[in-house]
Amino acid sequence: MNPYEGLQLSQLLDRMHDLVRPEPIAWTPQTVGWAVVALWLLAVVLLVTWHRIQVWRRNRYRREALAELRRIRAQQDLDPQSLASQVAGLLKRTALAAYPRNEVADLYGSAWAEFLCESSANDKLVNDNAEALGSAAYRRDANGAELLAPARRWIKVHRV
């Protein structure tokens, strides 16, 4: 005979024991492999951060040149030739900050235009305006307003 036969539901419920809950699972890694993975990830994050900081520091001259270009653009009292002359001077100073002096200092005219094209990986905007950028400091009919966009592009894309 079954010991539960003839018992009421409430009596059966009284005979039940509580549920046994398992121990909570620890969230901390239990093996050495996870520590190795964590150290590896930390090293990668540190290396990427260090690299980003180095790139940011190396490109300081670009940020300063772009800020100077914005100041030149904001000057309302400049005639087009003076604007072109200032843009040309800014490009030369930027190149002198990025490249060795003996490679850049004596370039002018078509050699300077060729350098601008080559250092920008033949960017279309720079290539189309390279001759105007190369001769802007020496021509009386140079229009500085037309040189602002290609100068800005060269400052952004040139490779050292």
N, C-alpha and C. Protein backbone atom coordinates (compact mmCIF):
# COMPACT_ATOMS: atom_id res chain seq x y z
N MET A 1 0.82 -1.17 0.00
CA MET A 1 0.00 0.00 0.00
C MET A 1 0.88 1.25 0.00
N ASN A 2 0.39 2.26 -0.63
CA ASN A 2 1.10 3.52 -0.80
C ASN A 2 0.92 4.36 0.47
N PRO A 3 2.05 4.91 1.03
CA PRO A 3 1.90 5.69 2.27
C PRO A 3 1.16 7.01 2.06
N TYR A 4 0.95 7.41 0.84
CA TYR A 4 0.31 8.70 0.58
C TYR A 4 -1.17 8.56 0.23
N GLU A 5 -1.63 7.32 0.18
CA GLU A 5 -3.03 7.10 -0.16
C GLU A 5 -3.93 7.57 0.97
N GLY A 6 -4.97 8.22 0.62
CA GLY A 6 -5.97 8.65 1.58
C GLY A 6 -5.63 9.97 2.24
N LEU A 7 -4.49 10.57 1.92
CA LEU A 7 -4.13 11.86 2.52
C LEU A 7 -4.72 13.00 1.70
N GLN A 8 -5.07 14.04 2.41
CA GLN A 8 -5.58 15.24 1.77
C GLN A 8 -4.42 16.02 1.14
N LEU A 9 -4.77 16.92 0.27
CA LEU A 9 -3.75 17.74 -0.40
C LEU A 9 -2.95 18.56 0.60
N SER A 10 -3.58 19.11 1.59
CA SER A 10 -2.86 19.91 2.58
C SER A 10 -1.90 19.03 3.38
N GLN A 11 -2.28 17.78 3.63
CA GLN A 11 -1.39 16.87 4.35
C GLN A 11 -0.20 16.48 3.48
N LEU A 12 -0.46 16.31 2.20
CA LEU A 12 0.64 16.00 1.28
C LEU A 12 1.63 17.17 1.18
N LEU A 13 1.08 18.37 1.17
CA LEU A 13 1.94 19.55 1.09
C LEU A 13 2.79 19.68 2.34
N ASP A 14 2.27 19.30 3.50
CA ASP A 14 3.03 19.38 4.74
C ASP A 14 4.20 18.40 4.73
N ARG A 15 4.09 17.30 4.03
CA ARG A 15 5.16 16.30 3.99
C ARG A 15 6.27 16.67 2.99
N MET A 16 6.04 17.65 2.15
CA MET A 16 7.06 18.04 1.16
C MET A 16 8.18 18.81 1.85
N HIS A 17 9.40 18.60 1.39
CA HIS A 17 10.53 19.36 1.92
C HIS A 17 10.82 20.55 0.99
N ASP A 18 11.55 21.53 1.52
CA ASP A 18 11.89 22.72 0.72
C ASP A 18 12.81 22.35 -0.42
N LEU A 19 12.77 23.21 -1.46
CA LEU A 19 13.66 22.99 -2.59
C LEU A 19 15.10 23.26 -2.16
N VAL A 20 16.01 22.47 -2.63
CA VAL A 20 17.42 22.67 -2.34
C VAL A 20 18.00 23.50 -3.49
N ARG A 21 18.42 24.69 -3.15
CA ARG A 21 18.97 25.58 -4.17
C ARG A 21 20.47 25.36 -4.27
N PRO A 22 20.98 25.37 -5.48
CA PRO A 22 22.43 25.19 -5.63
C PRO A 22 23.18 26.44 -5.17
N GLU A 23 24.46 26.25 -4.90
CA GLU A 23 25.30 27.38 -4.51
C GLU A 23 25.38 28.36 -5.68
N PRO A 24 25.43 29.66 -5.40
CA PRO A 24 25.54 30.63 -6.50
C PRO A 24 26.87 30.44 -7.24
N ILE A 25 26.80 30.68 -8.53
CA ILE A 25 27.99 30.53 -9.37
C ILE A 25 28.83 31.79 -9.25
N ALA A 26 30.13 31.61 -9.04
CA ALA A 26 31.03 32.74 -8.89
C ALA A 26 31.27 33.40 -10.25
N TRP A 27 31.32 34.72 -10.25
CA TRP A 27 31.55 35.45 -11.48
C TRP A 27 33.03 35.62 -11.77
N THR A 28 33.87 35.38 -10.81
CA THR A 28 35.31 35.52 -11.02
C THR A 28 35.82 34.31 -11.79
N PRO A 29 36.80 34.53 -12.65
CA PRO A 29 37.34 33.41 -13.42
C PRO A 29 37.97 32.36 -12.51
N GLN A 30 37.78 31.13 -12.84
CA GLN A 30 38.26 30.04 -11.99
C GLN A 30 39.55 29.41 -12.51
N THR A 31 39.96 29.76 -13.73
CA THR A 31 41.15 29.13 -14.29
C THR A 31 42.18 30.18 -14.67
N VAL A 32 43.41 29.73 -14.89
CA VAL A 32 44.52 30.61 -15.25
C VAL A 32 44.32 31.18 -16.65
N GLY A 33 43.66 30.46 -17.52
CA GLY A 33 43.45 30.91 -18.89
C GLY A 33 42.75 32.26 -18.97
N TRP A 34 41.78 32.46 -18.09
CA TRP A 34 41.06 33.74 -18.10
C TRP A 34 41.97 34.88 -17.66
N ALA A 35 42.85 34.61 -16.73
CA ALA A 35 43.81 35.65 -16.31
C ALA A 35 44.74 36.00 -17.46
N VAL A 36 45.17 34.99 -18.21
CA VAL A 36 46.04 35.24 -19.36
C VAL A 36 45.30 36.07 -20.41
N VAL A 37 44.06 35.72 -20.67
CA VAL A 37 43.26 36.48 -21.64
C VAL A 37 43.07 37.92 -21.18
N ALA A 38 42.82 38.11 -19.89
CA ALA A 38 42.64 39.47 -19.35
C ALA A 38 43.93 40.28 -19.48
N LEU A 39 45.07 39.67 -19.18
CA LEU A 39 46.34 40.37 -19.32
C LEU A 39 46.64 40.69 -20.78
N TRP A 40 46.31 39.77 -21.66
CA TRP A 40 46.52 40.00 -23.09
C TRP A 40 45.65 41.17 -23.57
N LEU A 41 44.39 41.18 -23.17
CA LEU A 41 43.49 42.28 -23.57
C LEU A 41 43.97 43.61 -23.00
N LEU A 42 44.44 43.60 -21.77
CA LEU A 42 44.96 44.82 -21.16
C LEU A 42 46.18 45.32 -21.93
N ALA A 43 47.06 44.40 -22.32
CA ALA A 43 48.25 44.79 -23.09
C ALA A 43 47.85 45.37 -24.44
N VAL A 44 46.88 44.78 -25.11
CA VAL A 44 46.43 45.29 -26.41
C VAL A 44 45.82 46.68 -26.25
N VAL A 45 45.00 46.87 -25.24
CA VAL A 45 44.39 48.18 -25.02
C VAL A 45 45.46 49.22 -24.73
N LEU A 46 46.44 48.88 -23.92
CA LEU A 46 47.53 49.82 -23.62
C LEU A 46 48.34 50.15 -24.86
N LEU A 47 48.64 49.15 -25.69
CA LEU A 47 49.40 49.41 -26.92
C LEU A 47 48.62 50.29 -27.90
N VAL A 48 47.35 50.01 -28.05
CA VAL A 48 46.53 50.82 -28.96
C VAL A 48 46.43 52.25 -28.43
N THR A 49 46.25 52.40 -27.14
CA THR A 49 46.19 53.74 -26.54
C THR A 49 47.50 54.48 -26.73
N TRP A 50 48.61 53.81 -26.48
CA TRP A 50 49.93 54.42 -26.66
C TRP A 50 50.13 54.86 -28.11
N HIS A 51 49.75 53.99 -29.05
CA HIS A 51 49.89 54.31 -30.47
C HIS A 51 49.03 55.52 -30.84
N ARG A 52 47.79 55.55 -30.36
CA ARG A 52 46.91 56.69 -30.65
C ARG A 52 47.49 58.00 -30.11
N ILE A 53 48.06 57.94 -28.92
CA ILE A 53 48.66 59.15 -28.34
C ILE A 53 49.84 59.60 -29.19
N GLN A 54 50.65 58.66 -29.66
CA GLN A 54 51.81 59.01 -30.48
C GLN A 54 51.36 59.64 -31.80
N VAL A 55 50.34 59.07 -32.42
CA VAL A 55 49.82 59.63 -33.68
C VAL A 55 49.25 61.03 -33.43
N TRP A 56 48.53 61.20 -32.33
CA TRP A 56 47.96 62.50 -32.01
C TRP A 56 49.07 63.53 -31.81
N ARG A 57 50.15 63.14 -31.13
CA ARG A 57 51.27 64.06 -30.91
C ARG A 57 51.98 64.39 -32.22
N ARG A 58 52.17 63.36 -33.06
CA ARG A 58 52.86 63.59 -34.34
C ARG A 58 52.06 64.52 -35.24
N ASN A 59 50.75 64.53 -35.12
CA ASN A 59 49.91 65.36 -35.99
C ASN A 59 49.57 66.71 -35.39
N ARG A 60 50.28 67.12 -34.38
CA ARG A 60 50.04 68.43 -33.78
C ARG A 60 50.24 69.54 -34.80
N TYR A 61 51.27 69.42 -35.62
CA TYR A 61 51.54 70.46 -36.62
C TYR A 61 50.38 70.58 -37.60
N ARG A 62 49.69 69.48 -37.90
CA ARG A 62 48.52 69.54 -38.79
C ARG A 62 47.40 70.34 -38.14
N ARG A 63 47.13 70.05 -36.88
CA ARG A 63 46.06 70.79 -36.18
C ARG A 63 46.38 72.27 -36.12
N GLU A 64 47.63 72.60 -35.85
CA GLU A 64 48.02 74.00 -35.80
C GLU A 64 47.93 74.65 -37.18
N ALA A 65 48.31 73.93 -38.22
CA ALA A 65 48.23 74.48 -39.58
C ALA A 65 46.77 74.70 -39.99
N LEU A 66 45.90 73.77 -39.65
CA LEU A 66 44.48 73.94 -39.97
C LEU A 66 43.88 75.12 -39.20
N ALA A 67 44.30 75.30 -37.95
CA ALA A 67 43.82 76.45 -37.18
C ALA A 67 44.32 77.76 -37.81
N GLU A 68 45.58 77.77 -38.26
CA GLU A 68 46.12 78.96 -38.92
C GLU A 68 45.38 79.22 -40.24
N LEU A 69 45.05 78.17 -40.96
CA LEU A 69 44.30 78.34 -42.21
C LEU A 69 42.92 78.93 -41.93
N ARG A 70 42.29 78.51 -40.84
CA ARG A 70 40.99 79.10 -40.47
C ARG A 70 41.15 80.58 -40.12
N ARG A 71 42.25 80.93 -39.45
CA ARG A 71 42.48 82.35 -39.13
C ARG A 71 42.72 83.16 -40.40
N ILE A 72 43.46 82.59 -41.34
CA ILE A 72 43.69 83.28 -42.61
C ILE A 72 42.37 83.48 -43.35
N ARG A 73 41.54 82.44 -43.38
CA ARG A 73 40.25 82.53 -44.07
C ARG A 73 39.35 83.58 -43.42
N ALA A 74 39.45 83.74 -42.11
CA ALA A 74 38.59 84.68 -41.39
C ALA A 74 38.98 86.13 -41.61
N GLN A 75 40.17 86.38 -42.11
CA GLN A 75 40.59 87.76 -42.34
C GLN A 75 39.85 88.34 -43.55
N GLN A 76 39.06 89.35 -43.29
CA GLN A 76 38.23 89.94 -44.33
C GLN A 76 38.95 91.02 -45.13
N ASP A 77 39.99 91.61 -44.57
CA ASP A 77 40.62 92.75 -45.21
C ASP A 77 41.73 92.37 -46.18
N LEU A 78 41.92 91.10 -46.47
CA LEU A 78 42.99 90.67 -47.37
C LEU A 78 42.51 90.66 -48.82
N ASP A 79 43.37 91.15 -49.71
CA ASP A 79 43.06 91.03 -51.13
C ASP A 79 43.43 89.61 -51.57
N PRO A 80 42.94 89.15 -52.71
CA PRO A 80 43.16 87.77 -53.14
C PRO A 80 44.64 87.37 -53.24
N GLN A 81 45.50 88.30 -53.68
CA GLN A 81 46.92 87.97 -53.81
C GLN A 81 47.58 87.82 -52.45
N SER A 82 47.23 88.65 -51.49
CA SER A 82 47.78 88.54 -50.13
C SER A 82 47.31 87.25 -49.47
N LEU A 83 46.07 86.92 -49.71
CA LEU A 83 45.52 85.67 -49.19
C LEU A 83 46.28 84.49 -49.77
N ALA A 84 46.54 84.51 -51.07
CA ALA A 84 47.29 83.44 -51.72
C ALA A 84 48.71 83.35 -51.17
N SER A 85 49.32 84.48 -50.94
CA SER A 85 50.67 84.50 -50.39
C SER A 85 50.70 83.90 -48.98
N GLN A 86 49.72 84.22 -48.17
CA GLN A 86 49.67 83.66 -46.82
C GLN A 86 49.42 82.15 -46.84
N VAL A 87 48.56 81.71 -47.75
CA VAL A 87 48.29 80.28 -47.88
C VAL A 87 49.56 79.55 -48.32
N ALA A 88 50.27 80.12 -49.29
CA ALA A 88 51.51 79.51 -49.77
C ALA A 88 52.55 79.43 -48.66
N GLY A 89 52.67 80.50 -47.88
CA GLY A 89 53.60 80.50 -46.76
C GLY A 89 53.23 79.46 -45.71
N LEU A 90 51.95 79.33 -45.44
CA LEU A 90 51.49 78.33 -44.48
C LEU A 90 51.83 76.92 -44.96
N LEU A 91 51.60 76.65 -46.26
CA LEU A 91 51.93 75.32 -46.79
C LEU A 91 53.42 75.03 -46.66
N LYS A 92 54.25 76.02 -46.94
CA LYS A 92 55.69 75.82 -46.84
C LYS A 92 56.10 75.56 -45.39
N ARG A 93 55.55 76.32 -44.44
CA ARG A 93 55.86 76.10 -43.03
C ARG A 93 55.39 74.73 -42.55
N THR A 94 54.23 74.32 -43.04
CA THR A 94 53.70 73.00 -42.67
C THR A 94 54.61 71.90 -43.21
N ALA A 95 55.05 72.05 -44.46
CA ALA A 95 55.95 71.05 -45.04
C ALA A 95 57.28 71.03 -44.30
N LEU A 96 57.78 72.18 -43.89
CA LEU A 96 59.04 72.23 -43.15
C LEU A 96 58.90 71.57 -41.78
N ALA A 97 57.71 71.61 -41.21
CA ALA A 97 57.48 70.94 -39.92
C ALA A 97 57.41 69.43 -40.08
N ALA A 98 56.98 68.97 -41.23
CA ALA A 98 56.75 67.53 -41.42
C ALA A 98 57.93 66.82 -42.09
N TYR A 99 58.63 67.49 -42.97
CA TYR A 99 59.68 66.85 -43.77
C TYR A 99 61.04 67.45 -43.42
N PRO A 100 62.11 66.75 -43.75
CA PRO A 100 63.44 67.31 -43.51
C PRO A 100 63.64 68.61 -44.31
N ARG A 101 64.30 69.55 -43.69
CA ARG A 101 64.51 70.87 -44.29
C ARG A 101 65.22 70.77 -45.64
N ASN A 102 66.20 69.89 -45.75
CA ASN A 102 66.96 69.81 -47.01
C ASN A 102 66.13 69.26 -48.17
N GLU A 103 65.01 68.63 -47.89
CA GLU A 103 64.14 68.13 -48.96
C GLU A 103 63.11 69.18 -49.41
N VAL A 104 62.76 70.11 -48.53
CA VAL A 104 61.62 70.98 -48.79
C VAL A 104 62.00 72.45 -48.97
N ALA A 105 63.00 72.91 -48.26
CA ALA A 105 63.27 74.34 -48.18
C ALA A 105 63.53 75.00 -49.53
N ASP A 106 64.23 74.33 -50.43
CA ASP A 106 64.60 74.97 -51.69
C ASP A 106 63.61 74.70 -52.83
N LEU A 107 62.48 74.07 -52.54
CA LEU A 107 61.48 73.80 -53.58
C LEU A 107 60.63 75.03 -53.85
N TYR A 108 60.37 75.28 -55.12
CA TYR A 108 59.46 76.37 -55.52
C TYR A 108 58.94 76.06 -56.91
N GLY A 109 57.88 76.75 -57.29
CA GLY A 109 57.30 76.61 -58.62
C GLY A 109 56.84 75.21 -58.93
N SER A 110 57.25 74.68 -60.07
CA SER A 110 56.77 73.35 -60.50
C SER A 110 57.33 72.23 -59.62
N ALA A 111 58.55 72.40 -59.10
CA ALA A 111 59.10 71.38 -58.18
C ALA A 111 58.29 71.33 -56.89
N TRP A 112 57.87 72.49 -56.40
CA TRP A 112 57.02 72.55 -55.21
C TRP A 112 55.66 71.93 -55.50
N ALA A 113 55.10 72.20 -56.67
CA ALA A 113 53.81 71.62 -57.05
C ALA A 113 53.92 70.11 -57.16
N GLU A 114 55.01 69.62 -57.73
CA GLU A 114 55.21 68.17 -57.84
C GLU A 114 55.34 67.54 -56.46
N PHE A 115 56.06 68.21 -55.57
CA PHE A 115 56.18 67.71 -54.20
C PHE A 115 54.81 67.63 -53.53
N LEU A 116 53.99 68.66 -53.70
CA LEU A 116 52.66 68.66 -53.10
C LEU A 116 51.82 67.49 -53.63
N CYS A 117 51.93 67.22 -54.92
CA CYS A 117 51.18 66.10 -55.52
C CYS A 117 51.67 64.77 -54.96
N GLU A 118 52.97 64.58 -54.96
CA GLU A 118 53.53 63.30 -54.51
C GLU A 118 53.26 63.05 -53.03
N SER A 119 53.40 64.08 -52.21
CA SER A 119 53.22 63.88 -50.77
C SER A 119 51.76 63.69 -50.39
N SER A 120 50.85 64.08 -51.27
CA SER A 120 49.43 63.86 -50.98
C SER A 120 48.90 62.60 -51.66
N ALA A 121 49.81 61.75 -52.14
CA ALA A 121 49.42 60.52 -52.84
C ALA A 121 48.53 60.83 -54.03
N ASN A 122 48.86 61.91 -54.74
CA ASN A 122 48.14 62.33 -55.94
C ASN A 122 46.64 62.50 -55.69
N ASP A 123 46.32 63.15 -54.59
CA ASP A 123 44.94 63.49 -54.28
C ASP A 123 44.39 64.37 -55.40
N LYS A 124 43.16 64.10 -55.84
CA LYS A 124 42.61 64.81 -57.00
C LYS A 124 42.52 66.32 -56.78
N LEU A 125 42.02 66.76 -55.65
CA LEU A 125 41.88 68.19 -55.40
C LEU A 125 43.25 68.88 -55.37
N VAL A 126 44.22 68.25 -54.76
CA VAL A 126 45.57 68.83 -54.71
C VAL A 126 46.19 68.82 -56.10
N ASN A 127 46.05 67.72 -56.83
CA ASN A 127 46.62 67.64 -58.19
C ASN A 127 46.04 68.71 -59.11
N ASP A 128 44.74 68.91 -59.03
CA ASP A 128 44.10 69.89 -59.91
C ASP A 128 44.57 71.31 -59.63
N ASN A 129 44.99 71.58 -58.42
CA ASN A 129 45.39 72.93 -58.03
C ASN A 129 46.87 73.04 -57.68
N ALA A 130 47.65 72.04 -58.01
CA ALA A 130 49.06 72.00 -57.61
C ALA A 130 49.85 73.15 -58.22
N GLU A 131 49.65 73.42 -59.48
CA GLU A 131 50.41 74.52 -60.11
C GLU A 131 50.05 75.86 -59.48
N ALA A 132 48.78 76.07 -59.21
CA ALA A 132 48.37 77.32 -58.56
C ALA A 132 48.95 77.41 -57.15
N LEU A 133 48.98 76.30 -56.42
CA LEU A 133 49.57 76.29 -55.08
C LEU A 133 51.08 76.52 -55.16
N GLY A 134 51.72 75.93 -56.17
CA GLY A 134 53.16 76.05 -56.30
C GLY A 134 53.63 77.44 -56.66
N SER A 135 52.80 78.17 -57.37
CA SER A 135 53.21 79.52 -57.80
C SER A 135 52.45 80.64 -57.10
N ALA A 136 51.67 80.33 -56.10
CA ALA A 136 50.81 81.33 -55.45
C ALA A 136 51.61 82.45 -54.81
N ALA A 137 52.77 82.16 -54.29
CA ALA A 137 53.55 83.19 -53.60
C ALA A 137 54.19 84.18 -54.57
N TYR A 138 54.27 83.83 -55.86
CA TYR A 138 55.02 84.65 -56.82
C TYR A 138 54.14 85.32 -57.86
N ARG A 139 52.89 84.93 -57.98
CA ARG A 139 52.02 85.47 -59.02
C ARG A 139 51.15 86.58 -58.47
N ARG A 140 51.02 87.64 -59.26
CA ARG A 140 50.17 88.75 -58.84
C ARG A 140 48.69 88.45 -59.07
N ASP A 141 48.39 87.55 -59.99
CA ASP A 141 46.99 87.25 -60.29
C ASP A 141 46.47 86.02 -59.51
N ALA A 142 47.21 85.58 -58.49
CA ALA A 142 46.78 84.42 -57.70
C ALA A 142 45.56 84.77 -56.86
N ASN A 143 44.63 83.84 -56.82
CA ASN A 143 43.40 84.04 -56.05
C ASN A 143 43.45 83.11 -54.83
N GLY A 144 43.66 83.70 -53.67
CA GLY A 144 43.79 82.91 -52.44
C GLY A 144 42.54 82.18 -52.04
N ALA A 145 41.38 82.71 -52.37
CA ALA A 145 40.13 82.05 -52.01
C ALA A 145 40.00 80.69 -52.68
N GLU A 146 40.52 80.58 -53.90
CA GLU A 146 40.47 79.31 -54.62
C GLU A 146 41.49 78.31 -54.09
N LEU A 147 42.48 78.78 -53.34
CA LEU A 147 43.53 77.90 -52.84
C LEU A 147 43.25 77.38 -51.43
N LEU A 148 42.24 77.91 -50.77
CA LEU A 148 41.97 77.48 -49.40
C LEU A 148 41.59 76.01 -49.31
N ALA A 149 40.69 75.56 -50.17
CA ALA A 149 40.24 74.16 -50.11
C ALA A 149 41.37 73.18 -50.46
N PRO A 150 42.14 73.39 -51.55
CA PRO A 150 43.23 72.45 -51.81
C PRO A 150 44.33 72.50 -50.74
N ALA A 151 44.58 73.68 -50.17
CA ALA A 151 45.58 73.76 -49.11
C ALA A 151 45.12 72.98 -47.88
N ARG A 152 43.85 73.14 -47.55
CA ARG A 152 43.30 72.39 -46.42
C ARG A 152 43.37 70.89 -46.68
N ARG A 153 43.07 70.50 -47.89
CA ARG A 153 43.12 69.08 -48.24
C ARG A 153 44.55 68.54 -48.14
N TRP A 154 45.53 69.29 -48.62
CA TRP A 154 46.92 68.83 -48.56
C TRP A 154 47.36 68.69 -47.10
N ILE A 155 47.00 69.64 -46.28
CA ILE A 155 47.39 69.57 -44.87
C ILE A 155 46.81 68.31 -44.23
N LYS A 156 45.60 67.96 -44.60
CA LYS A 156 44.95 66.78 -44.01
C LYS A 156 45.49 65.45 -44.54
N VAL A 157 45.81 65.38 -45.84
CA VAL A 157 46.10 64.06 -46.43
C VAL A 157 47.55 63.77 -46.70
N HIS A 158 48.45 64.74 -46.61
CA HIS A 158 49.84 64.44 -46.96
C HIS A 158 50.43 63.40 -46.03
N ARG A 159 51.30 62.58 -46.57
CA ARG A 159 51.94 61.50 -45.83
C ARG A 159 53.41 61.79 -45.67
N VAL A 160 53.90 61.56 -44.50
CA VAL A 160 55.32 61.80 -44.21
C VAL A 160 56.09 60.51 -44.40
